[in-house]
Amino acid sequence: MGDPKFSRRKYETPAQPWEGERIKAENELIQKYGLKNKRELWTAQSMVRRLRAQSRELQARLRTGDPQADKETGELLKRCARMALLPKEGATLNDVLALNTEAILDRRLQTVVYRKGLSYTPRQARQMIVHGHASIEGRKVTIPGYLVKRGEEEQIEYYVSSPMTNDMHPARPKPEDLERHKLAEQAREERAAAAKAATSRRGPPRALPKKVKAIVKVDKEKEEDVPEAEPPKDDDEGKE
């Protein structure tokens, strides 16, 4: 049966799970890239966090004159260049520090398939990949989160035995449909950006002026000083 595999978690969960702004930003990225859940987003964030931490550590070691740091710096830059996160030549450790989560999400196979026009939406691209309709250099790849390396992007196409290789397949995007979908997506993003800008301009609710606060305070004090009214006496009790 072979040795058992003890797989480890490849992501770190947020320290504060109920931050409204972070949750809203995560939901926007999930919608934009068609991710299945937040674990996929946290995996990309953890990867960027590790790369940036390694870059900071190497910068500190280079200041001390560590000869091993030069070798590790070259390996880190080559690795980032191989994943198309940085250019092949001229990149520095500061460029690694400038990486963000979207740089990783842009290199996922799901995103590349969608941007090459092989699917209408990112979610359709995910379904295509999982069902075995996508290939890289003729090799079937069924992992939507596969990070496409430099030079592989041009080799992505429909799998040779997939029915989607037929131009008349109903699920295969047409050029005019792709253009219409892109325009609709751009309009949706513009509306979301305008709504976000309007919300930020509106700002938090304003506090009451000092005069109004003083009037409210006086009114409350008057209400507290008013004695409670005595209940009316019955006439029968006075006659007795």
Protein backbone atom coordinates (compact mmCIF):
# COMPACT_ATOMS: atom_id res chain seq x y z
CA MET A 1 0.00 0.00 0.00
CA GLY A 2 2.95 2.33 0.38
CA ASP A 3 3.73 4.92 2.98
CA PRO A 4 0.86 7.02 4.29
CA LYS A 5 0.80 10.64 3.27
CA PHE A 6 0.49 13.21 6.04
CA SER A 7 -0.66 16.26 4.13
CA ARG A 8 -0.33 19.60 5.87
CA ARG A 9 -2.48 22.64 5.56
CA LYS A 10 -1.03 25.09 3.04
CA TYR A 11 -2.77 28.21 4.28
CA GLU A 12 -3.15 30.30 7.42
CA THR A 13 -6.52 31.54 8.62
CA PRO A 14 -7.01 35.23 9.51
CA ALA A 15 -6.15 36.24 13.07
CA GLN A 16 -9.39 38.27 13.33
CA PRO A 17 -12.13 36.21 11.64
CA TRP A 18 -14.91 38.82 11.88
CA GLU A 19 -13.40 41.94 10.27
CA GLY A 20 -16.03 43.46 8.00
CA GLU A 21 -13.66 45.21 5.58
CA ARG A 22 -11.49 42.10 5.13
CA ILE A 23 -14.52 39.87 4.56
CA LYS A 24 -15.88 42.28 1.95
CA ALA A 25 -12.51 42.40 0.13
CA GLU A 26 -12.25 38.59 0.19
CA ASN A 27 -15.74 38.19 -1.26
CA GLU A 28 -14.87 40.56 -4.10
CA LEU A 29 -11.77 38.51 -5.00
CA ILE A 30 -13.73 35.25 -4.82
CA GLN A 31 -16.34 36.68 -7.18
CA LYS A 32 -13.73 38.12 -9.55
CA TYR A 33 -11.63 34.95 -9.89
CA GLY A 34 -14.44 32.40 -9.47
CA LEU A 35 -12.85 30.68 -6.47
CA LYS A 36 -14.60 27.78 -4.78
CA ASN A 37 -14.12 28.96 -1.20
CA LYS A 38 -11.94 31.17 0.95
CA ARG A 39 -9.39 28.42 1.51
CA GLU A 40 -8.16 28.91 -2.06
CA LEU A 41 -7.83 32.64 -1.42
CA TRP A 42 -6.02 32.07 1.89
CA THR A 43 -3.62 29.69 0.13
CA ALA A 44 -2.61 32.44 -2.31
CA GLN A 45 -2.30 34.96 0.52
CA SER A 46 -0.10 32.59 2.53
CA MET A 47 2.12 32.00 -0.49
CA VAL A 48 2.66 35.74 -0.98
CA ARG A 49 3.29 36.12 2.75
CA ARG A 50 6.01 33.44 2.67
CA LEU A 51 7.72 34.96 -0.36
CA ARG A 52 7.77 38.41 1.20
CA ALA A 53 9.03 37.05 4.53
CA GLN A 54 11.86 35.25 2.74
CA SER A 55 12.72 38.45 0.88
CA ARG A 56 12.93 40.46 4.12
CA GLU A 57 15.09 37.81 5.74
CA LEU A 58 17.49 37.76 2.77
CA GLN A 59 17.77 41.53 2.75
CA ALA A 60 18.78 41.47 6.42
CA ARG A 61 21.35 38.72 5.78
CA LEU A 62 22.81 40.57 2.79
CA ARG A 63 23.53 43.57 4.99
CA THR A 64 25.62 41.37 7.27
CA GLY A 65 27.67 40.04 4.32
CA ASP A 66 26.39 36.46 4.43
CA PRO A 67 27.72 34.69 1.27
CA GLN A 68 24.95 32.09 1.38
CA ALA A 69 22.36 34.87 1.13
CA ASP A 70 23.53 35.76 -2.39
CA LYS A 71 22.91 32.22 -3.59
CA GLU A 72 19.47 32.03 -1.94
CA THR A 73 18.54 35.41 -3.39
CA GLY A 74 19.29 34.19 -6.90
CA GLU A 75 17.24 31.05 -6.33
CA LEU A 76 14.26 33.05 -5.02
CA LEU A 77 14.31 35.44 -7.98
CA LYS A 78 14.61 32.54 -10.45
CA ARG A 79 11.67 30.80 -8.80
CA CYS A 80 9.50 33.93 -9.05
CA ALA A 81 10.58 34.42 -12.67
CA ARG A 82 9.76 30.78 -13.48
CA MET A 83 6.22 31.35 -12.12
CA ALA A 84 5.98 34.59 -14.19
CA LEU A 85 5.56 36.66 -11.05
CA LEU A 86 8.67 38.71 -11.89
CA PRO A 87 10.57 39.44 -15.14
CA LYS A 88 13.44 37.17 -16.10
CA GLU A 89 16.10 39.84 -15.69
CA GLY A 90 16.47 42.95 -13.58
CA ALA A 91 14.26 41.86 -10.68
CA THR A 92 15.28 42.56 -7.09
CA LEU A 93 14.14 41.59 -3.63
CA ASN A 94 12.15 44.82 -3.46
CA ASP A 95 10.07 43.53 -6.39
CA VAL A 96 9.26 40.44 -4.34
CA LEU A 97 8.06 42.68 -1.52
CA ALA A 98 5.73 44.43 -4.00
CA LEU A 99 3.86 41.19 -4.84
CA ASN A 100 0.22 40.91 -3.79
CA THR A 101 -2.46 38.24 -3.71
CA GLU A 102 -3.79 39.04 -7.18
CA ALA A 103 -0.35 38.34 -8.68
CA ILE A 104 -0.76 34.70 -7.57
CA LEU A 105 -4.44 34.46 -8.53
CA ASP A 106 -3.62 35.72 -12.05
CA ARG A 107 -1.31 32.73 -12.59
CA ARG A 108 -3.91 30.08 -11.69
CA LEU A 109 -4.91 27.81 -14.57
CA GLN A 110 -8.55 28.74 -14.03
CA THR A 111 -7.80 32.44 -14.57
CA VAL A 112 -5.53 31.87 -17.58
CA VAL A 113 -8.10 29.65 -19.31
CA TYR A 114 -10.76 32.34 -18.86
CA ARG A 115 -8.54 35.19 -20.06
CA LYS A 116 -7.50 33.23 -23.13
CA GLY A 117 -11.15 33.13 -24.19
CA LEU A 118 -11.68 29.40 -23.74
CA SER A 119 -14.67 30.00 -21.42
CA TYR A 120 -17.34 32.59 -20.83
CA THR A 121 -16.71 33.06 -17.09
CA PRO A 122 -14.11 32.00 -14.51
CA ARG A 123 -16.58 29.53 -13.02
CA GLN A 124 -17.12 27.87 -16.38
CA ALA A 125 -13.33 27.66 -16.73
CA ARG A 126 -13.20 25.86 -13.39
CA GLN A 127 -15.84 23.38 -14.50
CA MET A 128 -14.00 22.75 -17.78
CA ILE A 129 -10.73 22.04 -15.99
CA VAL A 130 -12.27 19.73 -13.39
CA HIS A 131 -14.09 17.76 -16.12
CA GLY A 132 -10.88 17.28 -18.11
CA HIS A 133 -11.43 19.65 -21.05
CA ALA A 134 -8.20 21.67 -20.62
CA SER A 135 -4.63 20.67 -21.35
CA ILE A 136 -1.10 22.09 -21.21
CA GLU A 137 1.23 20.92 -23.97
CA GLY A 138 -1.22 18.11 -24.74
CA ARG A 139 -1.26 16.91 -21.11
CA LYS A 140 -4.62 16.93 -19.35
CA VAL A 141 -4.65 19.09 -16.19
CA THR A 142 -7.64 18.87 -13.84
CA ILE A 143 -6.42 21.20 -11.07
CA PRO A 144 -7.93 24.72 -11.30
CA GLY A 145 -5.36 26.08 -8.84
CA TYR A 146 -2.36 24.90 -10.85
CA LEU A 147 0.10 27.80 -11.18
CA VAL A 148 0.93 28.27 -14.84
CA LYS A 149 4.68 28.66 -15.39
CA ARG A 150 6.35 30.97 -17.87
CA GLY A 151 6.05 29.59 -21.38
CA GLU A 152 3.10 27.30 -20.58
CA GLU A 153 0.44 29.93 -21.20
CA GLU A 154 0.79 29.63 -24.99
CA GLN A 155 0.39 25.84 -24.73
CA ILE A 156 -3.00 25.91 -22.98
CA GLU A 157 -5.84 24.64 -25.16
CA TYR A 158 -8.72 22.18 -25.20
CA TYR A 159 -7.79 18.56 -24.54
CA VAL A 160 -7.45 16.57 -27.75
CA SER A 161 -10.26 14.11 -26.91
CA SER A 162 -12.60 16.76 -25.47
CA PRO A 163 -15.86 17.40 -27.36
CA MET A 164 -15.17 21.13 -26.93
CA THR A 165 -12.54 20.94 -29.66
CA ASN A 166 -15.48 21.08 -32.06
CA ASP A 167 -16.11 24.70 -33.10
CA MET A 168 -19.87 24.09 -33.05
CA HIS A 169 -20.00 22.88 -29.44
CA PRO A 170 -22.69 24.92 -27.61
CA ALA A 171 -20.51 25.48 -24.51
CA ARG A 172 -17.61 26.81 -26.53
CA PRO A 173 -17.49 30.62 -26.47
CA LYS A 174 -17.99 32.58 -29.67
CA PRO A 175 -15.86 35.71 -30.28
CA GLU A 176 -18.90 38.02 -30.31
CA ASP A 177 -20.24 36.47 -27.11
CA LEU A 178 -16.87 36.93 -25.40
CA GLU A 179 -16.81 40.60 -26.33
CA ARG A 180 -20.32 41.07 -24.95
CA HIS A 181 -19.41 39.29 -21.72
CA LYS A 182 -16.28 41.41 -21.28
CA LEU A 183 -18.22 44.64 -21.78
CA ALA A 184 -20.83 43.52 -19.24
CA GLU A 185 -18.09 42.61 -16.76
CA GLN A 186 -16.39 45.99 -17.20
CA ALA A 187 -19.70 47.79 -16.64
CA ARG A 188 -20.30 45.72 -13.51
CA GLU A 189 -16.84 46.57 -12.16
CA GLU A 190 -17.35 50.27 -12.90
CA ARG A 191 -20.68 50.27 -11.03
CA ALA A 192 -19.08 48.53 -8.06
CA ALA A 193 -16.20 51.00 -8.02
CA ALA A 194 -18.61 53.96 -8.21
CA ALA A 195 -20.70 52.57 -5.35
CA LYS A 196 -17.58 52.02 -3.26
CA ALA A 197 -16.36 55.56 -3.94
CA ALA A 198 -19.75 57.01 -3.01
CA THR A 199 -19.74 55.06 0.26
CA SER A 200 -16.24 56.28 1.13
CA ARG A 201 -17.20 59.91 0.38
CA ARG A 202 -20.28 59.64 2.56
CA GLY A 203 -18.16 58.66 5.53
CA PRO A 204 -19.36 57.74 9.03
CA PRO A 205 -22.50 59.38 10.48
CA ARG A 206 -21.89 62.82 11.92
CA ALA A 207 -22.12 63.40 15.66
CA LEU A 208 -24.73 65.71 17.17
CA PRO A 209 -23.64 69.35 17.70
CA LYS A 210 -22.79 70.40 21.24
CA LYS A 211 -25.88 72.62 21.54
CA VAL A 212 -28.18 69.78 20.56
CA LYS A 213 -26.43 67.49 23.05
CA ALA A 214 -26.93 70.05 25.82
CA ILE A 215 -30.65 70.41 25.00
CA VAL A 216 -31.14 66.65 24.99
CA LYS A 217 -29.32 66.39 28.33
CA VAL A 218 -31.51 69.11 29.91
CA ASP A 219 -34.68 67.46 28.64
CA LYS A 220 -33.64 64.14 30.16
CA GLU A 221 -32.92 65.81 33.50
CA LYS A 222 -36.35 67.48 33.48
CA GLU A 223 -38.02 64.16 32.82
CA GLU A 224 -36.22 62.65 35.78
CA ASP A 225 -37.24 65.55 38.11
CA VAL A 226 -40.96 65.36 37.32
CA PRO A 227 -42.73 63.68 40.30
CA GLU A 228 -44.96 60.76 39.65
CA ALA A 229 -48.66 61.62 39.56
CA GLU A 230 -50.73 60.27 42.46
CA PRO A 231 -53.60 58.00 41.55
CA PRO A 232 -57.07 59.64 41.82
CA LYS A 233 -59.09 58.92 44.96
CA ASP A 234 -62.46 57.27 44.72
CA ASP A 235 -65.50 59.32 45.89
CA ASP A 236 -66.82 56.31 47.82
CA GLU A 237 -63.78 56.38 50.07
CA GLY A 238 -64.39 60.07 50.96
CA LYS A 239 -68.02 59.37 51.87
CA GLU A 240 -67.09 56.64 54.29
